[in-house]
C-alpha atoms as a PDB file:
ATOM      1  CA  MET A   1      56.382 220.440  51.077  1.00  0.00           C
ATOM      2  CA  THR A   2      60.028 220.860  49.178  1.00  0.00           C
ATOM      3  CA  VAL A   3      62.647 218.169  50.426  1.00  0.00           C
ATOM      4  CA  GLN A   4      66.181 217.840  49.245  1.00  0.00           C
ATOM      5  CA  ILE A   5      66.939 214.827  47.457  1.00  0.00           C
ATOM      6  CA  GLN A   6      70.329 213.311  47.231  1.00  0.00           C
ATOM      7  CA  SER A   7      71.944 210.107  47.071  1.00  0.00           C
ATOM      8  CA  ALA A   8      71.624 207.949  49.623  1.00  0.00           C
ATOM      9  CA  THR A   9      74.126 207.122  51.999  1.00  0.00           C
ATOM     10  CA  ILE A  10      75.028 203.894  54.675  1.00  0.00           C
ATOM     11  CA  ASP A  11      73.848 205.739  57.658  1.00  0.00           C
ATOM     12  CA  GLN A  12      70.777 206.487  56.005  1.00  0.00           C
ATOM     13  CA  LEU A  13      69.768 202.545  55.645  1.00  0.00           C
ATOM     14  CA  PRO A  14      67.853 202.343  59.111  1.00  0.00           C
ATOM     15  CA  ALA A  15      65.440 205.520  58.191  1.00  0.00           C
ATOM     16  CA  ILE A  16      65.066 204.011  54.645  1.00  0.00           C
ATOM     17  CA  LEU A  17      63.828 200.436  56.107  1.00  0.00           C
ATOM     18  CA  SER A  18      61.903 202.369  58.771  1.00  0.00           C
ATOM     19  CA  ILE A  19      59.838 203.814  55.983  1.00  0.00           C
ATOM     20  CA  TYR A  20      59.726 200.320  53.922  1.00  0.00           C
ATOM     21  CA  ASN A  21      58.539 198.369  56.680  1.00  0.00           C
ATOM     22  CA  GLN A  22      55.721 200.866  57.336  1.00  0.00           C
ATOM     23  CA  ALA A  23      54.786 199.576  54.010  1.00  0.00           C
ATOM     24  CA  VAL A  24      55.241 195.989  55.440  1.00  0.00           C
ATOM     25  CA  GLU A  25      52.728 196.363  58.367  1.00  0.00           C
ATOM     26  CA  GLU A  26      50.085 198.297  55.840  1.00  0.00           C
ATOM     27  CA  ARG A  27      50.543 195.325  53.841  1.00  0.00           C
ATOM     28  CA  ALA A  28      51.120 197.531  51.294  1.00  0.00           C
ATOM     29  CA  THR A  29      54.588 195.232  49.851  1.00  0.00           C
ATOM     30  CA  GLY A  30      55.264 191.858  49.344  1.00  0.00           C
ATOM     31  CA  ASP A  31      57.249 191.281  52.622  1.00  0.00           C
ATOM     32  CA  LEU A  32      55.170 189.638  55.292  1.00  0.00           C
ATOM     33  CA  ARG A  33      57.743 191.020  58.311  1.00  0.00           C
ATOM     34  CA  PRO A  34      59.636 193.567  58.716  1.00  0.00           C
ATOM     35  CA  VAL A  35      63.388 193.574  56.929  1.00  0.00           C
ATOM     36  CA  THR A  36      66.711 194.426  59.126  1.00  0.00           C
ATOM     37  CA  VAL A  37      69.614 196.871  57.952  1.00  0.00           C
ATOM     38  CA  ASP A  38      71.573 193.161  58.035  1.00  0.00           C
ATOM     39  CA  GLU A  39      69.326 191.448  55.431  1.00  0.00           C
ATOM     40  CA  ARG A  40      69.375 194.582  53.183  1.00  0.00           C
ATOM     41  CA  ILE A  41      73.105 195.646  53.173  1.00  0.00           C
ATOM     42  CA  GLY A  42      73.348 193.381  49.989  1.00  0.00           C
ATOM     43  CA  TRP A  43      70.717 195.321  48.477  1.00  0.00           C
ATOM     44  CA  PHE A  44      71.699 198.651  49.429  1.00  0.00           C
ATOM     45  CA  ASN A  45      75.182 198.287  47.619  1.00  0.00           C
ATOM     46  CA  GLU A  46      73.645 197.137  44.993  1.00  0.00           C
ATOM     47  CA  HIS A  47      72.167 200.552  43.962  1.00  0.00           C
ATOM     48  CA  GLU A  48      75.259 201.887  42.975  1.00  0.00           C
ATOM     49  CA  PRO A  49      74.332 205.559  41.739  1.00  0.00           C
ATOM     50  CA  ARG A  50      75.705 205.368  38.268  1.00  0.00           C
ATOM     51  CA  ARG A  51      73.484 202.636  37.353  1.00  0.00           C
ATOM     52  CA  TYR A  52      70.532 201.698  39.877  1.00  0.00           C
ATOM     53  CA  PRO A  53      70.404 205.126  42.086  1.00  0.00           C
ATOM     54  CA  LEU A  54      68.648 205.344  45.764  1.00  0.00           C
ATOM     55  CA  ARG A  55      67.549 208.362  46.553  1.00  0.00           C
ATOM     56  CA  VAL A  56      66.477 210.164  49.573  1.00  0.00           C
ATOM     57  CA  ALA A  57      63.952 212.892  50.301  1.00  0.00           C
ATOM     58  CA  ILE A  58      65.562 214.462  52.924  1.00  0.00           C
ATOM     59  CA  LEU A  59      63.530 217.569  55.279  1.00  0.00           C
ATOM     60  CA  GLU A  60      66.048 220.985  56.433  1.00  0.00           C
ATOM     61  CA  THR A  61      66.639 218.883  59.731  1.00  0.00           C
ATOM     62  CA  GLY A  62      67.831 215.921  57.744  1.00  0.00           C
ATOM     63  CA  GLU A  63      65.120 213.700  58.608  1.00  0.00           C
ATOM     64  CA  VAL A  64      64.705 211.126  55.866  1.00  0.00           C
ATOM     65  CA  VAL A  65      61.424 211.058  54.736  1.00  0.00           C
ATOM     66  CA  GLY A  66      60.998 208.860  51.673  1.00  0.00           C
ATOM     67  CA  TRP A  67      63.032 207.450  49.095  1.00  0.00           C
ATOM     68  CA  VAL A  68      63.229 206.069  45.718  1.00  0.00           C
ATOM     69  CA  SER A  69      65.070 203.578  43.760  1.00  0.00           C
ATOM     70  CA  LEU A  70      65.405 202.343  40.226  1.00  0.00           C
ATOM     71  CA  GLY A  71      66.653 198.744  40.020  1.00  0.00           C
ATOM     72  CA  GLU A  72      67.282 196.138  37.422  1.00  0.00           C
ATOM     73  CA  TYR A  73      64.229 194.581  36.096  1.00  0.00           C
ATOM     74  CA  ARG A  74      64.413 190.804  35.181  1.00  0.00           C
ATOM     75  CA  PHE A  75      68.029 190.193  37.317  1.00  0.00           C
ATOM     76  CA  GLY A  76      70.827 189.162  34.558  1.00  0.00           C
ATOM     77  CA  ARG A  77      68.886 189.407  31.398  1.00  0.00           C
ATOM     78  CA  ALA A  78      70.694 191.750  29.140  1.00  0.00           C
ATOM     79  CA  ALA A  79      67.994 192.074  26.691  1.00  0.00           C
ATOM     80  CA  PHE A  80      66.370 194.136  29.727  1.00  0.00           C
ATOM     81  CA  ARG A  81      69.246 196.621  30.660  1.00  0.00           C
ATOM     82  CA  ARG A  82      67.080 199.487  29.234  1.00  0.00           C
ATOM     83  CA  THR A  83      64.159 198.798  31.675  1.00  0.00           C
ATOM     84  CA  ALA A  84      64.451 199.622  35.390  1.00  0.00           C
ATOM     85  CA  GLU A  85      61.845 198.948  38.085  1.00  0.00           C
ATOM     86  CA  ILE A  86      61.286 202.440  40.214  1.00  0.00           C
ATOM     87  CA  SER A  87      60.317 201.885  43.780  1.00  0.00           C
ATOM     88  CA  TYR A  88      59.085 204.643  46.036  1.00  0.00           C
ATOM     89  CA  TYR A  89      58.018 204.973  49.657  1.00  0.00           C
ATOM     90  CA  VAL A  90      57.162 207.826  51.653  1.00  0.00           C
ATOM     91  CA  ASP A  91      56.838 208.014  55.877  1.00  0.00           C
ATOM     92  CA  ARG A  92      52.937 208.151  56.592  1.00  0.00           C
ATOM     93  CA  GLU A  93      53.704 211.309  58.926  1.00  0.00           C
ATOM     94  CA  HIS A  94      54.743 212.990  55.192  1.00  0.00           C
ATOM     95  CA  ARG A  95      52.230 211.285  52.786  1.00  0.00           C
ATOM     96  CA  ARG A  96      49.989 213.472  50.861  1.00  0.00           C
ATOM     97  CA  ARG A  97      52.733 216.904  50.671  1.00  0.00           C
ATOM     98  CA  GLY A  98      54.462 215.957  47.148  1.00  0.00           C
ATOM     99  CA  ILE A  99      57.185 214.188  48.356  1.00  0.00           C
ATOM    100  CA  ALA A 100      56.694 210.942  46.614  1.00  0.00           C
ATOM    101  CA  THR A 101      55.793 213.195  43.150  1.00  0.00           C
ATOM    102  CA  GLN A 102      59.340 214.998  43.329  1.00  0.00           C
ATOM    103  CA  LEU A 103      61.325 211.518  43.954  1.00  0.00           C
ATOM    104  CA  ILE A 104      59.408 210.040  40.840  1.00  0.00           C
ATOM    105  CA  ASP A 105      60.233 213.072  39.209  1.00  0.00           C
ATOM    106  CA  ASP A 106      63.803 212.348  40.166  1.00  0.00           C
ATOM    107  CA  ALA A 107      63.941 209.204  39.339  1.00  0.00           C
ATOM    108  CA  THR A 108      62.631 209.954  36.449  1.00  0.00           C
ATOM    109  CA  GLY A 109      65.120 212.445  35.328  1.00  0.00           C
ATOM    110  CA  LEU A 110      67.891 210.198  36.373  1.00  0.00           C
ATOM    111  CA  ALA A 111      66.640 206.999  34.640  1.00  0.00           C
ATOM    112  CA  ARG A 112      66.620 209.322  31.238  1.00  0.00           C
ATOM    113  CA  SER A 113      69.834 210.659  31.959  1.00  0.00           C
ATOM    114  CA  LEU A 114      71.424 206.859  32.402  1.00  0.00           C
ATOM    115  CA  GLY A 115      70.001 205.733  28.924  1.00  0.00           C
ATOM    116  CA  TYR A 116      66.624 203.946  30.052  1.00  0.00           C
ATOM    117  CA  ARG A 117      63.935 203.698  27.760  1.00  0.00           C
ATOM    118  CA  THR A 118      60.961 202.080  29.939  1.00  0.00           C
ATOM    119  CA  LEU A 119      60.370 202.471  33.887  1.00  0.00           C
ATOM    120  CA  VAL A 120      57.946 199.896  35.798  1.00  0.00           C
ATOM    121  CA  ALA A 121      56.401 199.823  39.321  1.00  0.00           C
ATOM    122  CA  LEU A 122      55.117 196.552  40.208  1.00  0.00           C
ATOM    123  CA  LEU A 123      52.670 197.161  42.930  1.00  0.00           C
ATOM    124  CA  LEU A 124      49.418 195.767  44.683  1.00  0.00           C
ATOM    125  CA  GLU A 125      46.182 196.144  43.873  1.00  0.00           C
ATOM    126  CA  SER A 126      45.485 197.440  47.151  1.00  0.00           C
ATOM    127  CA  ASN A 127      47.423 200.563  46.749  1.00  0.00           C
ATOM    128  CA  ASP A 128      45.295 202.725  45.341  1.00  0.00           C
ATOM    129  CA  ALA A 129      47.236 206.046  46.376  1.00  0.00           C
ATOM    130  CA  SER A 130      50.231 204.899  44.326  1.00  0.00           C
ATOM    131  CA  ILE A 131      47.519 203.965  41.757  1.00  0.00           C
ATOM    132  CA  ARG A 132      46.742 207.402  41.080  1.00  0.00           C
ATOM    133  CA  LEU A 133      50.244 208.797  41.388  1.00  0.00           C
ATOM    134  CA  LEU A 134      51.494 206.429  38.567  1.00  0.00           C
ATOM    135  CA  ARG A 135      48.632 207.363  36.308  1.00  0.00           C
ATOM    136  CA  GLN A 136      49.446 210.822  36.820  1.00  0.00           C
ATOM    137  CA  HIS A 137      52.868 210.531  36.244  1.00  0.00           C
ATOM    138  CA  GLY A 138      52.114 209.081  32.804  1.00  0.00           C
ATOM    139  CA  TYR A 139      51.631 205.105  33.591  1.00  0.00           C
ATOM    140  CA  ALA A 140      49.710 202.667  32.949  1.00  0.00           C
ATOM    141  CA  GLU A 141      48.693 199.136  34.112  1.00  0.00           C
ATOM    142  CA  TRP A 142      50.624 196.752  31.200  1.00  0.00           C
ATOM    143  CA  GLY A 143      49.765 193.500  33.605  1.00  0.00           C
ATOM    144  CA  ARG A 144      48.122 191.843  36.476  1.00  0.00           C
ATOM    145  CA  MET A 145      48.540 189.051  37.690  1.00  0.00           C
ATOM    146  CA  ARG A 146      45.458 187.586  39.446  1.00  0.00           C
ATOM    147  CA  ALA A 147      45.492 186.684  43.201  1.00  0.00           C
ATOM    148  CA  THR A 148      49.075 186.595  43.380  1.00  0.00           C
ATOM    149  CA  ALA A 149      49.690 187.759  46.755  1.00  0.00           C
ATOM    150  CA  ILE A 150      48.307 186.909  49.927  1.00  0.00           C
ATOM    151  CA  HIS A 151      48.342 188.949  52.971  1.00  0.00           C
ATOM    152  CA  ASP A 152      46.141 187.721  56.374  1.00  0.00           C
ATOM    153  CA  GLY A 153      44.229 185.206  54.055  1.00  0.00           C
ATOM    154  CA  HIS A 154      43.395 187.766  51.685  1.00  0.00           C
ATOM    155  CA  GLU A 155      44.457 187.342  48.015  1.00  0.00           C
ATOM    156  CA  GLN A 156      45.347 190.249  46.156  1.00  0.00           C
ATOM    157  CA  ASP A 157      46.596 190.926  42.148  1.00  0.00           C
ATOM    158  CA  HIS A 158      50.161 191.656  41.406  1.00  0.00           C
ATOM    159  CA  LEU A 159      49.842 194.698  38.959  1.00  0.00           C
ATOM    160  CA  TYR A 160      52.485 196.268  36.296  1.00  0.00           C
ATOM    161  CA  TYR A 161      52.820 199.803  35.830  1.00  0.00           C
ATOM    162  CA  GLY A 162      54.617 200.864  32.986  1.00  0.00           C
ATOM    163  CA  ARG A 163      55.569 203.976  31.119  1.00  0.00           C
ATOM    164  CA  PRO A 164      58.256 204.545  28.177  1.00  0.00           C
ATOM    165  CA  LEU A 165      60.945 207.579  28.802  1.00  0.00           C
ATOM    166  CA  ASP A 166      60.685 208.328  24.779  1.00  0.00           C
ATOM    167  CA  GLY A 167      58.494 211.293  25.688  1.00  0.00           C
END
């Protein structure tokens, strides 16, 4: 499925958060309760397109079906300024159609053009689909924090996947 990928607008924040809250429901993120627009306006504003882009995947109908962001890794520490954290989410009704691949490819190209040298993705060990997808895009497991997340009484490892952008 081909989608149009473009910079997110504030009007799309409710759709972005609706998709993110699916991941909260599925226990695929560290949040334990759904997030609201009011809670995330600051987060949205931090994603200035020329430094930390937030992009959406849109169908011809205008429906937002996924999003990807590049974010600051290790806030405020200048030694990490050429490393960005990549995050991506796809609406559950549109998964397994290549949208996440398009989002990752788009963000990777932007990261290169913005001068980043490294991308890292942080995820939970139970997220098998993302682990497979990241590996297909040249990421490898660079770190594992054992039993640091707890969902419904079940401990999970927090994984660091990364890839250099020099190749």
